[in-house]
Amino acid sequence: MSKQTWIDGLKAGLHTTWTLGKIIFPITFLITVLQFTPVLPFITDLIAPFMGLFGLSGEAAVPLVLGNLLNLYAGIAGILSLEMTVKEVFIIAVMLSFSHNLLIETGVALKVGVKLWVILLVRLGLAFTSAIIINLVWQGGSEIAQYGMVPPGDPDVSGWGSILLLGLEKAAFGIFQLALIVIPLMIVIQIMRDLKWLDVFSKWMAPVTRGLGMKENTSMTLVAGLTIGLAYGAGVMIKAVKEDGVSKKDATLAFIFLVACHAIVEDTLIFIPLGIPILPLVIIRVTTAVLLTIIVATIWNRYEAKEREPQYEQN
């Protein structure tokens, strides 16, 4: 393993951090500041009347807005501020599993080349559809949810100076956290690439990727998204599209799969303190990811096959 391998990995990590940081920093700063303005309460009040469609009370709009505009931790903090039934908390958990951190993760998905309408249709569609189905099918969960440990909230701030400083701190910490994950990850991937380990890994993953309608070179994209999530895994996805020959079609299919099933361990574990059944949450995410990806891949392949058929002129 040469010195150049480390240099190339470091360069790739820094470049990816810069690429994603240009998205994460401004959005994190903006949303943090908006929390202390009438904007977020306005958005919450706007969607509250529609909560009944999902079997939720109007106040459930609070964690949904926070989770979608910020992240799962913000959504959970919103849940902990309310008294809800186990069923309501479970529905919100499933919805946020599909559509949390919407602005940042949509931004990085666009960098990969996934179309905006695909991102919004899949993420919001899965969130809305799953909530409606769970509400209609599950007749239990009427007891009040008993919450466990509470994540730390934001410090008390007063005045625009403190608000802007908090926004800068959160945005900067987001970039720092990104760098801590992405740079070592890119170095490891560069080492694996130079040692030809990626070829072996792709062969191991071949049955899975083929079964989902993708080529073998999509394996690293799937693993990164499954383990560290869409936002951080996007660095691997961007690099794979550019250097490993992953097609836009396979990148889109991988994104569709990962929308339902990304960061499967972390995103599941952080819901444990909410007192909801965790195993059904995992089963819903994995099953949805597999079925949806296979269906989209099948339709896409048939469309491509039809396009390749020779067209005969009618006399």
Protein backbone atom coordinates (compact mmCIF):
# COMPACT_ATOMS: atom_id res chain seq x y z
CA MET A 1 0.00 0.00 0.00
CA SER A 2 1.67 3.19 -1.22
CA LYS A 3 1.76 6.70 0.18
CA GLN A 4 -0.17 7.83 -2.89
CA THR A 5 -3.13 5.71 -1.79
CA TRP A 6 -3.41 7.70 1.43
CA ILE A 7 -3.01 10.98 -0.44
CA ASP A 8 -5.68 10.07 -2.98
CA GLY A 9 -8.05 8.96 -0.21
CA LEU A 10 -7.47 12.16 1.76
CA LYS A 11 -8.06 14.29 -1.34
CA ALA A 12 -11.28 12.42 -2.08
CA GLY A 13 -12.45 12.85 1.52
CA LEU A 14 -11.71 16.59 1.56
CA HIS A 15 -13.36 17.08 -1.81
CA THR A 16 -16.47 15.19 -0.71
CA THR A 17 -16.61 17.11 2.58
CA TRP A 18 -16.43 20.38 0.63
CA THR A 19 -19.10 19.23 -1.86
CA LEU A 20 -21.56 18.13 0.82
CA GLY A 21 -20.60 20.92 3.21
CA LYS A 22 -21.79 23.53 0.74
CA ILE A 23 -25.24 21.99 1.13
CA ILE A 24 -25.26 21.05 4.82
CA PHE A 25 -23.82 24.28 6.28
CA PRO A 26 -26.31 26.84 4.89
CA ILE A 27 -29.37 24.64 5.37
CA THR A 28 -28.45 23.76 8.96
CA PHE A 29 -27.78 27.42 9.75
CA LEU A 30 -31.02 28.60 8.15
CA ILE A 31 -33.29 26.04 9.80
CA THR A 32 -31.66 26.56 13.21
CA VAL A 33 -32.34 30.30 12.99
CA LEU A 34 -35.91 29.75 11.74
CA GLN A 35 -36.70 27.77 14.90
CA PHE A 36 -36.63 31.07 16.80
CA THR A 37 -38.92 32.89 14.36
CA PRO A 38 -42.66 32.57 13.60
CA VAL A 39 -41.85 30.64 10.40
CA LEU A 40 -41.79 27.09 11.81
CA PRO A 41 -44.93 27.61 13.95
CA PHE A 42 -46.63 28.94 10.81
CA ILE A 43 -45.69 25.81 8.84
CA THR A 44 -46.82 23.61 11.73
CA ASP A 45 -50.20 25.35 11.97
CA LEU A 46 -50.58 25.06 8.20
CA ILE A 47 -50.33 21.26 8.09
CA ALA A 48 -52.00 20.50 11.44
CA PRO A 49 -55.53 20.15 9.90
CA PHE A 50 -54.28 17.30 7.67
CA MET A 51 -52.94 15.17 10.54
CA GLY A 52 -56.26 13.33 10.88
CA LEU A 53 -55.57 11.59 7.55
CA PHE A 54 -52.73 9.74 9.25
CA GLY A 55 -54.51 9.03 12.52
CA LEU A 56 -52.63 11.80 14.31
CA SER A 57 -53.67 14.78 16.38
CA GLY A 58 -52.97 18.30 15.14
CA GLU A 59 -50.07 18.78 17.54
CA ALA A 60 -48.27 15.85 15.86
CA ALA A 61 -47.36 18.36 13.14
CA VAL A 62 -44.65 19.68 15.49
CA PRO A 63 -42.33 16.61 15.45
CA LEU A 64 -43.06 15.99 11.76
CA VAL A 65 -42.01 19.51 10.78
CA LEU A 66 -38.92 19.40 13.01
CA GLY A 67 -37.93 15.94 11.80
CA ASN A 68 -38.35 16.77 8.13
CA LEU A 69 -36.65 20.15 8.21
CA LEU A 70 -33.92 19.12 10.65
CA ASN A 71 -33.25 15.50 11.60
CA LEU A 72 -34.56 12.53 13.58
CA TYR A 73 -33.20 13.87 16.85
CA ALA A 74 -35.16 17.10 16.44
CA GLY A 75 -38.26 15.08 15.59
CA ILE A 76 -37.80 12.93 18.68
CA ALA A 77 -37.37 16.03 20.82
CA GLY A 78 -40.71 17.22 19.43
CA ILE A 79 -42.36 13.90 20.31
CA LEU A 80 -41.02 14.03 23.86
CA SER A 81 -42.67 17.40 24.39
CA LEU A 82 -46.12 15.90 23.73
CA GLU A 83 -48.33 13.27 25.33
CA MET A 84 -49.18 10.72 22.63
CA THR A 85 -50.38 7.15 22.30
CA VAL A 86 -48.03 4.35 21.30
CA LYS A 87 -49.81 4.13 17.94
CA GLU A 88 -49.32 7.84 17.23
CA VAL A 89 -45.63 7.70 18.16
CA PHE A 90 -45.15 4.60 16.01
CA ILE A 91 -46.82 6.25 13.00
CA ILE A 92 -44.63 9.35 13.39
CA ALA A 93 -41.52 7.14 13.76
CA VAL A 94 -42.32 5.31 10.51
CA MET A 95 -43.04 8.57 8.67
CA LEU A 96 -39.80 10.16 9.86
CA SER A 97 -37.86 7.00 8.98
CA PHE A 98 -38.79 7.66 5.36
CA SER A 99 -38.67 11.44 5.16
CA HIS A 100 -36.47 12.99 7.87
CA ASN A 101 -33.77 15.59 7.16
CA LEU A 102 -35.53 16.22 3.88
CA LEU A 103 -33.74 19.38 2.76
CA ILE A 104 -30.16 18.23 3.30
CA GLU A 105 -30.65 14.67 2.09
CA THR A 106 -32.53 15.92 -0.97
CA GLY A 107 -29.66 18.26 -1.73
CA VAL A 108 -27.02 15.54 -1.58
CA ALA A 109 -29.21 13.17 -3.60
CA LEU A 110 -29.43 15.81 -6.34
CA LYS A 111 -25.62 15.87 -6.36
CA VAL A 112 -25.66 12.16 -7.16
CA GLY A 113 -27.91 12.86 -10.13
CA VAL A 114 -31.24 11.62 -8.80
CA LYS A 115 -34.11 13.76 -10.10
CA LEU A 116 -35.96 16.01 -7.68
CA TRP A 117 -39.41 14.62 -8.47
CA VAL A 118 -38.17 11.07 -7.78
CA ILE A 119 -36.76 12.12 -4.40
CA LEU A 120 -39.91 13.90 -3.24
CA LEU A 121 -42.32 11.32 -4.66
CA VAL A 122 -40.56 8.37 -3.03
CA ARG A 123 -39.79 9.94 0.35
CA LEU A 124 -43.07 11.77 0.95
CA GLY A 125 -45.09 9.08 -0.81
CA LEU A 126 -43.70 6.37 1.46
CA ALA A 127 -44.23 8.51 4.57
CA PHE A 128 -47.85 9.36 3.76
CA THR A 129 -48.84 5.91 2.46
CA SER A 130 -47.29 4.02 5.38
CA ALA A 131 -49.03 6.26 7.91
CA ILE A 132 -52.44 5.80 6.29
CA ILE A 133 -52.03 2.01 6.07
CA ILE A 134 -50.82 1.65 9.67
CA ASN A 135 -53.68 3.80 10.91
CA LEU A 136 -56.24 1.65 9.07
CA VAL A 137 -54.70 -1.75 9.89
CA TRP A 138 -53.49 -1.39 13.48
CA GLN A 139 -56.31 -1.21 15.98
CA GLY A 140 -54.11 -1.32 19.09
CA GLY A 141 -51.56 1.02 20.63
CA SER A 142 -54.10 3.22 22.40
CA GLU A 143 -52.11 3.37 25.64
CA ILE A 144 -50.05 6.48 26.36
CA ALA A 145 -46.40 6.11 25.30
CA GLN A 146 -43.88 5.97 28.13
CA TYR A 147 -40.70 7.79 27.10
CA GLY A 148 -37.25 6.81 28.30
CA MET A 149 -34.09 8.89 28.19
CA VAL A 150 -34.49 12.40 26.78
CA PRO A 151 -31.92 13.82 24.36
CA PRO A 152 -30.41 17.17 25.36
CA GLY A 153 -32.30 20.17 24.05
CA ASP A 154 -31.01 23.44 22.69
CA PRO A 155 -29.47 25.84 25.20
CA ASP A 156 -31.52 28.89 26.19
CA VAL A 157 -30.78 31.72 23.80
CA SER A 158 -31.89 35.31 23.84
CA GLY A 159 -31.33 37.95 21.20
CA TRP A 160 -30.39 37.66 17.56
CA GLY A 161 -26.69 37.56 18.36
CA SER A 162 -27.10 34.36 20.38
CA ILE A 163 -29.44 32.86 17.78
CA LEU A 164 -27.05 33.50 14.90
CA LEU A 165 -24.13 32.17 16.95
CA LEU A 166 -26.07 28.99 17.74
CA GLY A 167 -26.84 28.59 14.03
CA LEU A 168 -23.16 28.96 13.12
CA GLU A 169 -22.14 26.52 15.85
CA LYS A 170 -24.61 23.86 14.72
CA ALA A 171 -23.69 24.30 11.05
CA ALA A 172 -19.96 24.15 11.82
CA PHE A 173 -20.43 21.07 14.01
CA GLY A 174 -22.37 19.44 11.17
CA ILE A 175 -19.41 19.94 8.82
CA PHE A 176 -16.95 18.74 11.46
CA GLN A 177 -19.02 15.61 12.07
CA LEU A 178 -19.25 15.07 8.31
CA ALA A 179 -15.46 15.32 7.93
CA LEU A 180 -14.86 12.87 10.79
CA ILE A 181 -16.94 10.26 8.98
CA VAL A 182 -16.31 10.98 5.29
CA ILE A 183 -12.52 11.49 5.25
CA PRO A 184 -11.60 8.17 6.96
CA LEU A 185 -14.28 6.43 4.91
CA MET A 186 -12.82 7.71 1.64
CA ILE A 187 -9.31 6.67 2.70
CA VAL A 188 -10.54 3.16 3.52
CA ILE A 189 -12.37 2.93 0.19
CA GLN A 190 -9.25 4.09 -1.68
CA ILE A 191 -7.19 1.43 0.12
CA MET A 192 -9.78 -1.22 -0.73
CA ARG A 193 -9.83 -0.06 -4.34
CA ASP A 194 -6.03 -0.15 -4.73
CA LEU A 195 -5.80 -3.57 -3.06
CA LYS A 196 -8.59 -4.87 -5.34
CA TRP A 197 -10.75 -5.70 -2.31
CA LEU A 198 -13.68 -3.86 -3.82
CA ASP A 199 -13.79 -6.37 -6.66
CA VAL A 200 -14.08 -9.21 -4.14
CA PHE A 201 -16.67 -7.32 -2.11
CA SER A 202 -18.75 -6.63 -5.21
CA LYS A 203 -18.79 -10.36 -6.03
CA TRP A 204 -20.02 -11.16 -2.50
CA MET A 205 -22.79 -8.60 -2.86
CA ALA A 206 -23.64 -9.58 -6.43
CA PRO A 207 -26.71 -11.71 -5.59
CA VAL A 208 -28.18 -8.88 -3.50
CA THR A 209 -27.56 -6.11 -6.01
CA ARG A 210 -28.74 -8.24 -8.94
CA GLY A 211 -31.84 -9.24 -7.01
CA LEU A 212 -32.64 -5.55 -6.55
CA GLY A 213 -32.15 -4.87 -10.27
CA MET A 214 -28.73 -3.17 -10.00
CA LYS A 215 -25.23 -3.99 -11.21
CA GLU A 216 -22.46 -5.28 -8.92
CA ASN A 217 -20.61 -1.96 -8.79
CA THR A 218 -23.49 -0.49 -6.76
CA SER A 219 -22.54 -2.59 -3.72
CA MET A 220 -20.45 0.06 -1.92
CA THR A 221 -23.21 2.61 -2.38
CA LEU A 222 -25.74 0.30 -0.74
CA VAL A 223 -23.50 -0.66 2.17
CA ALA A 224 -22.52 2.96 2.89
CA GLY A 225 -26.14 4.10 2.87
CA LEU A 226 -27.31 1.18 5.00
CA THR A 227 -24.68 1.79 7.66
CA ILE A 228 -24.09 5.56 7.83
CA GLY A 229 -27.14 7.02 6.10
CA LEU A 230 -28.00 9.06 3.03
CA ALA A 231 -26.25 12.31 3.92
CA TYR A 232 -22.89 10.74 4.75
CA GLY A 233 -23.28 7.82 2.36
CA ALA A 234 -23.82 10.31 -0.46
CA GLY A 235 -20.07 10.87 -0.50
CA VAL A 236 -19.58 7.25 -1.51
CA MET A 237 -22.45 7.49 -4.00
CA ILE A 238 -20.97 10.59 -5.67
CA LYS A 239 -17.56 8.94 -5.94
CA ALA A 240 -19.07 5.70 -7.25
CA VAL A 241 -21.01 7.49 -9.98
CA LYS A 242 -17.87 9.32 -11.10
CA GLU A 243 -15.21 6.62 -10.76
CA ASP A 244 -16.81 3.17 -10.55
CA GLY A 245 -19.09 3.53 -13.54
CA VAL A 246 -22.34 3.37 -11.56
CA SER A 247 -25.06 4.42 -13.98
CA LYS A 248 -27.65 7.08 -13.21
CA LYS A 249 -30.25 4.32 -13.32
CA ASP A 250 -28.46 2.22 -10.68
CA ALA A 251 -27.79 5.33 -8.57
CA THR A 252 -31.51 6.13 -8.67
CA LEU A 253 -32.47 2.56 -7.75
CA ALA A 254 -29.94 2.57 -4.91
CA PHE A 255 -31.38 5.84 -3.66
CA ILE A 256 -34.93 4.44 -3.77
CA PHE A 257 -33.78 1.44 -1.73
CA LEU A 258 -31.85 3.57 0.76
CA VAL A 259 -34.71 6.04 1.28
CA ALA A 260 -36.62 3.26 2.99
CA CYS A 261 -33.71 1.48 4.60
CA HIS A 262 -30.75 3.82 5.20
CA ALA A 263 -28.82 3.94 8.51
CA ILE A 264 -30.92 0.97 9.52
CA VAL A 265 -29.14 0.39 12.85
CA GLU A 266 -28.80 3.97 14.09
CA ASP A 267 -32.22 5.16 12.91
CA THR A 268 -33.84 2.18 14.62
CA LEU A 269 -31.96 2.38 17.91
CA ILE A 270 -32.74 6.05 18.53
CA PHE A 271 -36.47 5.23 18.57
CA ILE A 272 -36.09 2.74 21.46
CA PRO A 273 -36.54 5.41 24.20
CA LEU A 274 -39.96 6.26 22.76
CA GLY A 275 -41.50 3.02 24.01
CA ILE A 276 -42.67 1.76 20.59
CA PRO A 277 -42.27 -1.73 19.04
CA ILE A 278 -38.93 -1.65 17.21
CA LEU A 279 -39.00 -4.96 15.28
CA PRO A 280 -42.09 -4.00 13.21
CA LEU A 281 -40.35 -0.72 12.34
CA VAL A 282 -37.34 -2.61 10.95
CA ILE A 283 -39.53 -5.09 9.08
CA ILE A 284 -41.57 -2.30 7.49
CA ARG A 285 -38.44 -0.45 6.33
CA VAL A 286 -36.61 -3.48 4.92
CA THR A 287 -39.69 -4.98 3.24
CA THR A 288 -40.67 -1.64 1.70
CA ALA A 289 -37.12 -1.06 0.44
CA VAL A 290 -36.83 -4.46 -1.22
CA LEU A 291 -40.30 -4.55 -2.81
CA LEU A 292 -40.27 -0.95 -4.03
CA THR A 293 -36.79 -1.25 -5.58
CA ILE A 294 -37.63 -4.52 -7.34
CA ILE A 295 -40.91 -3.10 -8.69
CA VAL A 296 -39.28 0.10 -9.99
CA ALA A 297 -36.35 -1.85 -11.49
CA THR A 298 -38.71 -4.27 -13.25
CA ILE A 299 -40.82 -1.48 -14.73
CA TRP A 300 -37.69 0.44 -15.76
CA ASN A 301 -36.14 -2.63 -17.44
CA ARG A 302 -39.32 -3.38 -19.37
CA TYR A 303 -39.52 0.23 -20.54
CA GLU A 304 -35.89 0.11 -21.73
CA ALA A 305 -36.51 -3.21 -23.51
CA LYS A 306 -39.53 -1.74 -25.27
CA GLU A 307 -37.49 1.30 -26.31
CA ARG A 308 -34.85 -0.98 -27.84
CA GLU A 309 -37.38 -2.93 -29.92
CA PRO A 310 -37.14 -2.13 -33.64
CA GLN A 311 -39.86 0.19 -34.84
CA TYR A 312 -41.47 -0.90 -38.14
CA GLU A 313 -43.15 1.66 -40.30
CA GLN A 314 -46.79 1.11 -41.01
CA ASN A 315 -47.59 1.01 -44.74
